[in-house]
Amino acid sequence: MHLKRVTSKYKDKVYEYAQIVQTVRREDGQNTQKVIKNLGRMRSEEDWEWARSVLESMKKEEELVKLGDLKIGHQLELGGIWAGEDVWRDHGIQKALMESFSGRNTKYNLERITFLLAVNRFYEPSSDLAAHRWINDKAFSDITDVDKNWVYRTLEKLVEEKDEIERRILENLKENLEPSLDLVFYDLTSTYFEGDGPDLADFGYSRDGRPDRVQIVLGIVMADGVPIAHGVWPGNTADKSTLGDAAADLKEKFKIKGVTFVGDRGIISSDNLEELEDEGFEYILATKRRKEKLVKKLLVKDIPGREKVRAKMVKSEDGRRYVLCLNEERRKKDLKRLKKGREKCEKELWKLKDRFDKSQEGPGSSMTKKGVLKRAEKIISGYKRIFETWFDETLTWKLKNKAWEYERAIAGKFLLVTTSDLDPTKAMEKYKELKDVERAFHELKNMLNLRPVYHSTDKGVRGHVFVCILALLLRRLMEKKAEKLFEEIFEELERLKVNVIDHRGEEIFQRNEISPCQDEIFDLLEVEKPPKILVSPS
């Protein structure tokens, strides 16, 4: 068996492909070459190295058929690494990293360590120190004996080359995936630290419900379901102040124009709208429902129609269009929640009033006015917009009728401001796709274990976040390729292991049998299945 180089010309471009072939004798006595395996298109010397390793594996497999006296030892992870590496390479992430790191003279492979750190988030997401142990002890990989300091240096190099890496990845995705960049989605989240954290860590608005912990703020730009850029800011950064950085990234780093920004209400401000307009970007942004007079005036308008979800343009001025959206099902839920909340508050306030009045009648310590008002504030904490409490000999309150009617009028509604020429229904539909970014944050926090609780330097934190973003990108690319949820894909791939077998002092690496479900996953991902006997990674 040997490796054969095959060339093909298309539109003045020459493409190279690799085949494993074997010389066989035909019936007429002439020799010919039989194709044993097609290895696909070769884009770089690294691809050819991979092709040669496959050839070595197949030759080794032939030799081992005759061997006996085998002792089976421990197992190594294979399935997710093998399939993930193929997708990583085919979508140009490997190439982007190698080119970005090309000026770095290190004795270790920065791209390989980055890939393994990313795929480790699928298997055992924990600290980067734990990832280092996983790489050395549990992963079947082409690099071994990775020093923990190499891991930390890799994180630092990722941060130093972040802009170049993201730019190159997007260029390669354009070639391989052709993502739609007409519409980009932007949103923010936060993640907190248990201890002091690095200088970046600070107190701010917590989306994790932990205002008592210092945190960082993370913003992601997504297009066509995949992350194309991200930013990390100090924990006390206001949401709206990050949008300018994201817009500048797209314009300067990616040279992208003619894009429509889609974002949630937290990032909106008059300065932001003007900044996007000045930069030539269109936008579809949700407004804050209780902040501006114009918004409050437009939200109470009716949207005629029978559709359960509908939208209507309610105002247009200075190139900005205001689109009022209504979801009838959500309206019913909001009204029910409002009614239930009001009744519960009134019931608890009556109880508190009775307790105070009774405490004033008999001997012993009585409730203080300050204490009663503090408890009353807690009772109405989620409904302060519609209740007012004060003390007049006893606890007193009233329902703010105007506020109550406003809350009922805006139930199930939201207002968008946009400069795009999409019709109202389309604008609403595009805004709702922002939910995909929320799902991405959920994946980052719950599946990929984003929280960088073990880092004490800014670079360490930023590098850890970047690895998680790359893991999210790989997840999404695998989902797109297989047209399945990642959980379904990885459930099968995780079961594919490599058995480390000892034969008279020599280590042999043999994978377990590929199940029909695993076979289907490899086919959907268009990944060559690993040979039964694999070449030693050392």
Protein backbone atom coordinates (compact mmCIF):
# COMPACT_ATOMS: atom_id res chain seq x y z
CA MET A 1 0.00 0.00 0.00
CA HIS A 2 1.16 3.54 -0.67
CA LEU A 3 -0.10 7.11 -0.83
CA LYS A 4 -1.11 8.53 -4.20
CA ARG A 5 -1.45 12.22 -5.07
CA VAL A 6 -4.36 13.03 -7.41
CA THR A 7 -4.89 16.48 -8.93
CA SER A 8 -8.02 18.07 -10.33
CA LYS A 9 -8.42 21.43 -12.09
CA TYR A 10 -11.53 23.60 -11.73
CA LYS A 11 -11.91 27.23 -12.79
CA ASP A 12 -8.13 27.73 -13.17
CA LYS A 13 -7.53 26.31 -9.69
CA VAL A 14 -5.69 23.04 -9.04
CA TYR A 15 -6.96 20.89 -6.17
CA GLU A 16 -5.03 18.01 -4.59
CA TYR A 17 -6.57 14.83 -3.23
CA ALA A 18 -5.02 11.84 -1.48
CA GLN A 19 -5.75 8.15 -1.99
CA ILE A 20 -4.36 5.03 -0.40
CA VAL A 21 -3.79 2.55 -3.22
CA GLN A 22 -2.50 -0.99 -3.55
CA THR A 23 -0.89 -2.62 -6.58
CA VAL A 24 -2.81 -5.73 -7.68
CA ARG A 25 -2.44 -8.07 -10.64
CA ARG A 26 -5.28 -8.22 -13.15
CA GLU A 27 -6.48 -11.38 -14.88
CA ASP A 28 -4.45 -10.46 -17.96
CA GLY A 29 -1.29 -10.46 -15.91
CA GLN A 30 -0.85 -6.67 -15.89
CA ASN A 31 -0.43 -4.70 -12.68
CA THR A 32 -2.93 -1.99 -11.74
CA GLN A 33 -3.63 0.21 -8.74
CA LYS A 34 -6.69 -0.45 -6.61
CA VAL A 35 -8.03 2.42 -4.48
CA ILE A 36 -8.28 1.21 -0.87
CA LYS A 37 -9.38 4.51 0.71
CA ASN A 38 -10.11 8.05 -0.49
CA LEU A 39 -8.74 10.57 2.01
CA GLY A 40 -10.31 13.68 0.48
CA ARG A 41 -8.90 17.08 -0.40
CA MET A 42 -5.46 18.05 0.91
CA ARG A 43 -5.22 21.75 1.72
CA SER A 44 -1.87 21.90 3.51
CA GLU A 45 1.24 19.95 4.43
CA GLU A 46 -0.46 19.13 7.74
CA ASP A 47 -3.20 17.36 5.76
CA TRP A 48 -0.56 15.29 3.99
CA GLU A 49 1.02 14.40 7.33
CA TRP A 50 -2.39 13.22 8.49
CA ALA A 51 -2.78 11.17 5.28
CA ARG A 52 0.60 9.52 5.87
CA SER A 53 -0.42 8.66 9.44
CA VAL A 54 -3.58 6.96 8.13
CA LEU A 55 -1.42 4.91 5.75
CA GLU A 56 0.86 3.89 8.63
CA SER A 57 -2.17 2.87 10.69
CA MET A 58 -3.51 0.66 7.91
CA LYS A 59 -0.13 -1.00 7.40
CA LYS A 60 0.14 -1.55 11.15
CA GLU A 61 -3.34 -3.08 11.23
CA GLU A 62 -2.32 -5.65 8.63
CA GLU A 63 0.73 -6.62 10.66
CA LEU A 64 -1.18 -6.98 13.91
CA VAL A 65 -3.72 -9.45 12.61
CA LYS A 66 -1.16 -12.21 13.35
CA LEU A 67 -0.22 -11.08 16.85
CA GLY A 68 -1.30 -12.80 20.06
CA ASP A 69 -0.55 -12.66 23.76
CA LEU A 70 -2.23 -9.31 24.17
CA LYS A 71 -2.85 -7.59 27.53
CA ILE A 72 -5.55 -4.90 27.54
CA GLY A 73 -4.74 -1.87 29.69
CA HIS A 74 -6.50 1.46 30.12
CA GLN A 75 -8.68 3.33 27.64
CA LEU A 76 -8.26 6.71 25.96
CA GLU A 77 -10.90 9.05 24.56
CA LEU A 78 -11.18 8.90 20.76
CA GLY A 79 -14.61 9.56 19.19
CA GLY A 80 -15.14 13.24 19.96
CA ILE A 81 -11.46 14.03 19.37
CA TRP A 82 -11.30 12.21 16.02
CA ALA A 83 -14.52 13.69 14.62
CA GLY A 84 -13.93 17.12 16.15
CA GLU A 85 -10.46 17.34 14.65
CA ASP A 86 -11.79 16.62 11.17
CA VAL A 87 -14.43 19.37 11.45
CA TRP A 88 -11.84 21.69 13.04
CA ARG A 89 -9.51 21.13 10.10
CA ASP A 90 -12.11 21.15 7.30
CA HIS A 91 -13.60 24.47 8.40
CA GLY A 92 -10.22 26.17 8.52
CA ILE A 93 -9.88 26.66 12.28
CA GLN A 94 -6.62 24.71 12.34
CA LYS A 95 -5.26 26.72 9.42
CA ALA A 96 -6.30 30.02 11.01
CA LEU A 97 -4.53 29.19 14.27
CA MET A 98 -1.38 27.88 12.58
CA GLU A 99 -1.08 30.97 10.41
CA SER A 100 -1.76 33.30 13.35
CA PHE A 101 0.86 31.51 15.46
CA SER A 102 3.39 31.19 12.62
CA GLY A 103 5.66 33.90 14.04
CA ARG A 104 5.77 32.28 17.47
CA ASN A 105 8.87 30.15 18.01
CA THR A 106 7.89 27.66 20.69
CA LYS A 107 8.98 24.09 21.33
CA TYR A 108 5.35 23.05 21.65
CA ASN A 109 2.47 23.08 19.18
CA LEU A 110 0.17 25.99 20.06
CA GLU A 111 -2.56 24.95 17.63
CA ARG A 112 -2.66 21.33 18.87
CA ILE A 113 -2.88 22.39 22.51
CA THR A 114 -5.64 24.89 21.65
CA PHE A 115 -7.64 22.18 19.87
CA LEU A 116 -7.31 19.75 22.78
CA LEU A 117 -8.26 22.44 25.31
CA ALA A 118 -11.37 23.17 23.24
CA VAL A 119 -12.43 19.54 22.80
CA ASN A 120 -11.76 18.92 26.50
CA ARG A 121 -14.75 21.21 27.19
CA PHE A 122 -16.93 18.48 25.62
CA TYR A 123 -15.56 15.74 27.88
CA GLU A 124 -14.55 17.08 31.28
CA PRO A 125 -15.02 20.87 31.45
CA SER A 126 -13.19 22.07 34.53
CA SER A 127 -10.05 24.08 35.19
CA ASP A 128 -7.33 24.45 32.57
CA LEU A 129 -4.99 22.59 34.92
CA ALA A 130 -7.42 19.66 34.90
CA ALA A 131 -7.55 19.94 31.10
CA HIS A 132 -3.76 19.58 31.04
CA ARG A 133 -4.04 16.31 32.99
CA TRP A 134 -6.83 15.12 30.68
CA ILE A 135 -4.67 15.77 27.60
CA ASN A 136 -1.82 13.69 29.02
CA ASP A 137 -3.80 10.90 30.67
CA LYS A 138 -7.09 10.44 28.81
CA ALA A 139 -6.94 11.87 25.28
CA PHE A 140 -5.74 9.93 22.24
CA SER A 141 -3.82 12.64 20.46
CA ASP A 142 -0.80 13.28 18.27
CA ILE A 143 0.92 15.15 21.11
CA THR A 144 1.87 13.75 24.50
CA ASP A 145 3.69 14.85 27.65
CA VAL A 146 2.22 18.34 27.54
CA ASP A 147 3.69 20.53 30.27
CA LYS A 148 1.16 22.52 32.31
CA ASN A 149 3.10 25.73 31.62
CA TRP A 150 2.57 25.13 27.90
CA VAL A 151 -1.17 25.26 28.54
CA TYR A 152 -0.94 28.61 30.33
CA ARG A 153 1.41 30.01 27.66
CA THR A 154 -1.04 28.87 24.97
CA LEU A 155 -3.85 30.78 26.69
CA GLU A 156 -1.67 33.90 26.72
CA LYS A 157 -0.76 33.51 23.04
CA LEU A 158 -4.45 33.11 22.16
CA VAL A 159 -5.18 36.47 23.77
CA GLU A 160 -2.24 38.16 22.06
CA GLU A 161 -3.36 36.89 18.63
CA LYS A 162 -7.13 37.10 19.27
CA ASP A 163 -7.98 39.64 16.56
CA GLU A 164 -5.90 37.88 13.92
CA ILE A 165 -7.29 34.45 14.84
CA GLU A 166 -10.91 35.62 14.70
CA ARG A 167 -10.28 37.39 11.39
CA ARG A 168 -8.67 34.32 9.80
CA ILE A 169 -11.33 31.95 11.15
CA LEU A 170 -14.10 34.07 9.64
CA GLU A 171 -12.28 34.22 6.30
CA ASN A 172 -12.00 30.43 6.29
CA LEU A 173 -15.62 29.99 7.37
CA LYS A 174 -16.66 32.16 4.43
CA GLU A 175 -14.87 29.73 2.13
CA ASN A 176 -16.11 26.52 3.75
CA LEU A 177 -19.46 27.41 5.32
CA GLU A 178 -20.51 30.61 3.57
CA PRO A 179 -22.26 32.06 6.65
CA SER A 180 -24.82 34.78 6.03
CA LEU A 181 -23.30 38.03 7.29
CA ASP A 182 -26.24 40.24 6.34
CA LEU A 183 -27.56 39.86 9.88
CA VAL A 184 -25.43 39.59 13.02
CA PHE A 185 -26.70 39.01 16.54
CA TYR A 186 -25.14 40.61 19.58
CA ASP A 187 -25.78 39.98 23.25
CA LEU A 188 -24.04 39.96 26.61
CA THR A 189 -23.77 37.82 29.68
CA SER A 190 -21.69 37.79 32.84
CA THR A 191 -19.86 35.13 34.80
CA TYR A 192 -18.71 35.45 38.40
CA PHE A 193 -15.75 34.42 40.56
CA GLU A 194 -15.77 32.81 43.99
CA GLY A 195 -12.71 34.72 45.18
CA ASP A 196 -11.14 38.06 44.32
CA GLY A 197 -10.48 37.23 40.68
CA PRO A 198 -8.11 39.22 38.42
CA ASP A 199 -8.11 42.99 37.83
CA LEU A 200 -10.90 42.53 35.26
CA ALA A 201 -13.22 41.19 37.94
CA ASP A 202 -15.53 43.78 39.47
CA PHE A 203 -19.02 44.14 40.88
CA GLY A 204 -21.79 44.86 38.39
CA TYR A 205 -25.19 43.77 37.12
CA SER A 206 -25.16 39.98 37.53
CA ARG A 207 -27.12 37.78 35.12
CA ASP A 208 -26.33 34.83 37.40
CA GLY A 209 -28.19 36.34 40.33
CA ARG A 210 -24.93 36.82 42.26
CA PRO A 211 -24.53 40.58 42.87
CA ASP A 212 -22.37 39.63 45.86
CA ARG A 213 -19.60 38.27 43.60
CA VAL A 214 -17.13 40.03 41.33
CA GLN A 215 -17.56 39.16 37.67
CA ILE A 216 -16.57 39.80 34.06
CA VAL A 217 -18.85 40.78 31.18
CA LEU A 218 -18.80 38.75 27.97
CA GLY A 219 -20.24 39.82 24.62
CA ILE A 220 -20.68 37.56 21.58
CA VAL A 221 -21.33 38.39 17.94
CA MET A 222 -23.00 35.51 16.10
CA ALA A 223 -23.88 35.04 12.44
CA ASP A 224 -25.75 32.11 10.96
CA GLY A 225 -25.71 30.31 14.31
CA VAL A 226 -21.93 30.42 14.89
CA PRO A 227 -19.83 32.81 17.02
CA ILE A 228 -17.61 35.04 14.86
CA ALA A 229 -16.28 37.44 17.51
CA HIS A 230 -16.33 38.03 21.24
CA GLY A 231 -15.25 40.61 23.78
CA VAL A 232 -14.44 40.52 27.49
CA TRP A 233 -14.91 43.59 29.69
CA PRO A 234 -14.56 44.44 33.40
CA GLY A 235 -17.48 43.32 35.54
CA ASN A 236 -18.82 46.84 36.11
CA THR A 237 -19.13 47.64 32.38
CA ALA A 238 -22.55 48.91 31.28
CA ASP A 239 -24.12 46.80 28.54
CA LYS A 240 -24.74 49.71 26.21
CA SER A 241 -21.08 50.81 26.29
CA THR A 242 -19.91 47.55 24.64
CA LEU A 243 -21.84 47.91 21.38
CA GLY A 244 -19.37 50.39 19.91
CA ASP A 245 -16.52 47.91 20.34
CA ALA A 246 -18.51 45.17 18.61
CA ALA A 247 -19.39 47.45 15.69
CA ALA A 248 -15.77 48.60 15.35
CA ASP A 249 -14.67 44.95 15.31
CA LEU A 250 -16.91 44.16 12.38
CA LYS A 251 -15.87 47.22 10.42
CA GLU A 252 -12.14 47.36 11.10
CA LYS A 253 -11.12 43.77 11.78
CA PHE A 254 -13.48 41.95 9.43
CA LYS A 255 -14.07 44.73 6.87
CA ILE A 256 -17.78 43.88 7.00
CA LYS A 257 -20.28 46.46 5.80
CA GLY A 258 -23.98 46.37 5.00
CA VAL A 259 -24.72 44.42 8.17
CA THR A 260 -27.85 44.63 10.31
CA PHE A 261 -27.19 44.45 14.07
CA VAL A 262 -29.79 42.58 16.13
CA GLY A 263 -29.65 43.19 19.88
CA ASP A 264 -31.65 43.19 23.09
CA ARG A 265 -32.91 46.13 25.13
CA GLY A 266 -29.90 46.25 27.48
CA ILE A 267 -27.54 47.59 24.81
CA ILE A 268 -29.75 50.39 23.49
CA SER A 269 -29.07 54.10 24.02
CA SER A 270 -29.45 57.18 21.85
CA ASP A 271 -25.65 57.35 21.51
CA ASN A 272 -25.53 53.72 20.37
CA LEU A 273 -28.17 54.27 17.71
CA GLU A 274 -26.30 57.28 16.36
CA GLU A 275 -22.99 55.39 16.47
CA LEU A 276 -24.38 52.49 14.46
CA GLU A 277 -25.94 54.88 11.96
CA ASP A 278 -22.70 56.87 11.62
CA GLU A 279 -20.78 53.63 10.96
CA GLY A 280 -23.25 52.68 8.24
CA PHE A 281 -24.82 49.72 10.08
CA GLU A 282 -28.52 49.01 10.13
CA TYR A 283 -30.09 47.62 13.29
CA ILE A 284 -33.06 45.87 14.86
CA LEU A 285 -33.02 46.58 18.59
CA ALA A 286 -35.53 46.05 21.38
CA THR A 287 -36.46 49.13 23.41
CA LYS A 288 -36.72 49.44 27.18
CA ARG A 289 -40.41 49.22 27.95
CA ARG A 290 -40.55 51.70 30.82
CA LYS A 291 -37.78 54.23 30.20
CA GLU A 292 -38.69 56.67 27.43
CA LYS A 293 -41.90 58.64 26.92
CA LEU A 294 -42.06 57.78 23.21
CA VAL A 295 -41.72 54.06 23.91
CA LYS A 296 -44.41 54.14 26.61
CA LYS A 297 -46.71 56.02 24.26
CA LEU A 298 -46.22 53.53 21.40
CA LEU A 299 -46.45 50.36 23.50
CA VAL A 300 -50.08 50.95 24.49
CA LYS A 301 -51.26 51.09 20.89
CA ASP A 302 -53.43 48.28 19.51
CA ILE A 303 -52.28 45.80 16.89
CA PRO A 304 -55.34 44.71 14.92
CA GLY A 305 -55.46 41.20 13.49
CA ARG A 306 -56.28 37.60 14.34
CA GLU A 307 -52.80 36.10 14.16
CA LYS A 308 -51.53 34.88 17.53
CA VAL A 309 -48.21 36.62 16.86
CA ARG A 310 -48.32 39.86 14.89
CA ALA A 311 -46.45 43.09 14.29
CA LYS A 312 -47.22 46.59 13.05
CA MET A 313 -45.17 49.68 12.26
CA VAL A 314 -46.46 52.37 14.62
CA LYS A 315 -44.07 55.25 13.93
CA SER A 316 -41.38 56.31 11.48
CA GLU A 317 -39.10 59.32 11.82
CA ASP A 318 -35.54 60.28 10.84
CA GLY A 319 -35.00 56.91 9.17
CA ARG A 320 -35.98 54.99 12.30
CA ARG A 321 -39.03 52.76 12.25
CA TYR A 322 -40.79 51.58 15.39
CA VAL A 323 -42.35 48.12 15.16
CA LEU A 324 -44.85 47.05 17.82
CA CYS A 325 -45.05 43.27 18.34
CA LEU A 326 -47.68 41.20 20.16
CA ASN A 327 -47.77 37.57 21.22
CA GLU A 328 -51.32 36.61 22.31
CA GLU A 329 -50.18 33.58 24.30
CA ARG A 330 -47.57 35.63 26.09
CA ARG A 331 -50.20 38.32 26.75
CA LYS A 332 -52.45 35.79 28.50
CA LYS A 333 -49.55 34.61 30.66
CA ASP A 334 -48.47 38.16 31.51
CA LEU A 335 -52.01 39.17 32.51
CA LYS A 336 -52.39 36.05 34.64
CA ARG A 337 -49.03 36.72 36.33
CA LEU A 338 -49.99 40.35 36.96
CA LYS A 339 -53.33 39.43 38.51
CA LYS A 340 -51.81 36.70 40.65
CA GLY A 341 -48.96 38.98 41.76
CA ARG A 342 -51.31 41.81 42.68
CA GLU A 343 -53.56 39.50 44.71
CA LYS A 344 -50.61 37.94 46.53
CA CYS A 345 -49.15 41.35 47.42
CA GLU A 346 -52.47 42.62 48.74
CA LYS A 347 -53.00 39.45 50.79
CA GLU A 348 -49.51 39.67 52.35
CA LEU A 349 -49.86 43.40 53.03
CA TRP A 350 -53.15 42.80 54.88
CA LYS A 351 -51.47 40.09 56.97
CA LEU A 352 -48.57 42.41 57.80
CA LYS A 353 -50.97 45.24 58.74
CA ASP A 354 -52.94 42.93 61.07
CA ARG A 355 -49.73 41.74 62.74
CA PHE A 356 -48.61 45.32 63.35
CA ASP A 357 -51.99 46.43 64.70
CA LYS A 358 -52.16 43.49 67.11
CA SER A 359 -48.59 44.09 68.27
CA GLN A 360 -49.65 47.57 69.43
CA GLU A 361 -52.50 46.29 71.61
CA GLY A 362 -50.94 43.99 74.19
CA PRO A 363 -47.87 44.16 76.45
CA GLY A 364 -44.42 43.25 75.22
CA SER A 365 -42.31 44.37 72.30
CA SER A 366 -44.23 45.77 69.35
CA MET A 367 -43.30 45.92 65.69
CA THR A 368 -41.59 49.17 64.67
CA LYS A 369 -42.79 51.39 61.85
CA LYS A 370 -39.39 51.09 60.16
CA GLY A 371 -39.48 47.31 60.38
CA VAL A 372 -43.02 47.15 58.97
CA LEU A 373 -42.17 49.38 56.00
CA LYS A 374 -39.06 47.31 55.30
CA ARG A 375 -41.14 44.12 55.21
CA ALA A 376 -43.76 45.80 53.06
CA GLU A 377 -41.07 46.80 50.56
CA LYS A 378 -39.96 43.17 50.40
CA ILE A 379 -43.56 41.98 49.78
CA ILE A 380 -44.02 44.30 46.79
CA SER A 381 -40.41 43.94 45.55
CA GLY A 382 -41.48 42.62 42.15
CA TYR A 383 -44.45 44.97 41.85
CA LYS A 384 -43.18 48.35 43.03
CA ARG A 385 -44.36 49.84 39.77
CA ILE A 386 -48.01 49.31 40.74
CA PHE A 387 -47.97 49.67 44.55
CA GLU A 388 -47.16 52.52 46.87
CA THR A 389 -46.72 51.97 50.63
CA TRP A 390 -46.41 54.44 53.51
CA PHE A 391 -47.13 54.73 57.23
CA ASP A 392 -50.10 56.71 58.57
CA GLU A 393 -50.72 55.44 62.13
CA THR A 394 -50.70 51.98 60.57
CA LEU A 395 -49.40 50.35 57.40
CA THR A 396 -51.13 51.90 54.38
CA TRP A 397 -50.90 51.21 50.67
CA LYS A 398 -52.62 51.88 47.41
CA LEU A 399 -52.67 50.52 43.90
CA LYS A 400 -51.30 52.95 41.33
CA ASN A 401 -54.19 52.69 38.88
CA LYS A 402 -52.43 54.41 36.02
CA ALA A 403 -49.39 52.13 36.35
CA TRP A 404 -51.67 49.08 36.70
CA GLU A 405 -53.51 49.91 33.48
CA TYR A 406 -50.20 50.52 31.68
CA GLU A 407 -48.84 47.11 32.74
CA ARG A 408 -52.03 45.47 31.50
CA ALA A 409 -51.86 47.38 28.20
CA ILE A 410 -48.27 46.31 27.43
CA ALA A 411 -48.75 42.65 28.43
CA GLY A 412 -47.37 40.37 25.71
CA LYS A 413 -45.89 43.28 23.75
CA PHE A 414 -42.45 44.54 22.88
CA LEU A 415 -41.29 47.44 20.72
CA LEU A 416 -38.45 47.31 18.20
CA VAL A 417 -36.60 50.22 16.68
CA THR A 418 -35.01 49.52 13.30
CA THR A 419 -33.43 51.19 10.30
CA SER A 420 -33.85 48.12 8.08
CA ASP A 421 -36.44 48.02 5.32
CA LEU A 422 -37.76 44.63 6.44
CA ASP A 423 -41.52 44.48 6.82
CA PRO A 424 -42.71 44.50 10.48
CA THR A 425 -43.34 40.75 10.69
CA LYS A 426 -39.90 39.91 9.23
CA ALA A 427 -38.20 42.35 11.59
CA MET A 428 -39.95 40.66 14.53
CA GLU A 429 -38.92 37.20 13.29
CA LYS A 430 -35.29 38.26 12.92
CA TYR A 431 -35.27 39.75 16.41
CA LYS A 432 -36.58 36.48 17.82
CA GLU A 433 -33.56 34.69 16.34
CA LEU A 434 -31.59 36.45 19.09
CA LYS A 435 -32.78 33.54 21.24
CA ASP A 436 -30.00 31.54 19.57
CA VAL A 437 -27.42 33.72 21.32
CA GLU A 438 -29.18 33.04 24.62
CA ARG A 439 -28.90 29.32 23.85
CA ALA A 440 -25.20 29.86 23.14
CA PHE A 441 -24.75 31.47 26.57
CA HIS A 442 -26.58 28.52 28.12
CA GLU A 443 -24.20 26.13 26.35
CA LEU A 444 -21.17 28.14 27.44
CA LYS A 445 -22.22 28.23 31.08
CA ASN A 446 -23.79 24.82 31.55
CA MET A 447 -22.15 22.48 29.01
CA LEU A 448 -18.74 24.07 28.46
CA ASN A 449 -18.30 25.38 32.03
CA LEU A 450 -17.35 28.94 31.09
CA ARG A 451 -16.67 30.23 34.59
CA PRO A 452 -12.88 30.85 34.82
CA VAL A 453 -12.82 30.57 38.59
CA TYR A 454 -9.25 29.28 38.81
CA HIS A 455 -7.49 32.14 36.96
CA SER A 456 -5.94 35.10 38.73
CA THR A 457 -4.62 37.03 35.70
CA ASP A 458 -6.51 38.96 33.03
CA LYS A 459 -4.76 37.06 30.23
CA GLY A 460 -5.57 33.72 31.83
CA VAL A 461 -9.26 34.66 32.06
CA ARG A 462 -9.41 36.00 28.51
CA GLY A 463 -7.60 32.92 27.18
CA HIS A 464 -9.95 30.58 29.03
CA VAL A 465 -12.98 32.42 27.61
CA PHE A 466 -11.50 32.23 24.09
CA VAL A 467 -11.06 28.45 24.41
CA CYS A 468 -14.72 28.15 25.45
CA ILE A 469 -15.77 30.27 22.44
CA LEU A 470 -13.75 27.98 20.13
CA ALA A 471 -15.40 24.96 21.74
CA LEU A 472 -18.80 26.56 21.12
CA LEU A 473 -17.83 27.22 17.49
CA LEU A 474 -16.80 23.58 17.03
CA ARG A 475 -20.04 22.41 18.67
CA ARG A 476 -22.15 24.51 16.33
CA LEU A 477 -20.20 23.45 13.22
CA MET A 478 -20.70 19.78 14.12
CA GLU A 479 -24.42 20.42 14.63
CA LYS A 480 -24.69 22.15 11.27
CA LYS A 481 -22.80 19.40 9.47
CA ALA A 482 -24.76 16.51 11.00
CA GLU A 483 -28.07 18.39 11.27
CA LYS A 484 -28.43 16.98 14.78
CA LEU A 485 -28.19 18.43 18.27
CA PHE A 486 -24.67 18.22 19.65
CA GLU A 487 -25.89 16.19 22.62
CA GLU A 488 -27.08 13.45 20.23
CA ILE A 489 -23.80 13.55 18.31
CA PHE A 490 -21.54 13.46 21.34
CA GLU A 491 -23.56 10.81 23.16
CA GLU A 492 -22.46 8.37 20.45
CA LEU A 493 -18.94 9.68 19.87
CA GLU A 494 -18.10 9.66 23.58
CA ARG A 495 -18.50 5.87 23.63
CA LEU A 496 -15.77 5.34 21.05
CA LYS A 497 -12.53 4.66 22.93
CA VAL A 498 -9.01 3.45 22.24
CA ASN A 499 -7.82 0.40 24.15
CA VAL A 500 -4.14 0.52 25.09
CA ILE A 501 -2.87 -3.03 24.60
CA ASP A 502 0.49 -4.40 25.68
CA HIS A 503 2.12 -6.95 23.39
CA ARG A 504 5.45 -8.17 24.72
CA GLY A 505 6.33 -4.70 25.99
CA GLU A 506 5.07 -2.83 22.93
CA GLU A 507 2.01 -0.59 23.20
CA ILE A 508 -0.71 -1.11 20.60
CA PHE A 509 -3.66 1.26 20.23
CA GLN A 510 -6.86 -0.45 19.12
CA ARG A 511 -10.24 1.24 19.02
CA ASN A 512 -13.38 -0.58 20.09
CA GLU A 513 -16.00 -1.57 17.53
CA ILE A 514 -17.91 1.22 15.79
CA SER A 515 -21.64 0.88 16.43
CA PRO A 516 -24.26 1.50 13.71
CA CYS A 517 -25.21 4.78 15.41
CA GLN A 518 -21.59 5.91 15.54
CA ASP A 519 -21.18 4.87 11.92
CA GLU A 520 -24.14 7.09 11.01
CA ILE A 521 -22.67 10.06 12.92
CA PHE A 522 -19.34 9.74 11.08
CA ASP A 523 -21.21 9.61 7.77
CA LEU A 524 -23.31 12.67 8.63
CA LEU A 525 -20.17 14.58 9.62
CA GLU A 526 -18.44 13.31 6.46
CA VAL A 527 -15.56 12.09 8.62
CA GLU A 528 -13.45 9.06 7.72
CA LYS A 529 -13.86 6.44 10.42
CA PRO A 530 -10.70 5.76 12.44
CA PRO A 531 -8.80 2.58 11.53
CA LYS A 532 -9.03 -0.27 13.98
CA ILE A 533 -5.33 -0.02 14.83
CA LEU A 534 -3.99 3.49 15.37
CA VAL A 535 -0.44 4.77 15.24
CA SER A 536 1.12 5.50 18.61
CA PRO A 537 0.78 9.19 19.48
CA SER A 538 4.28 9.26 20.95
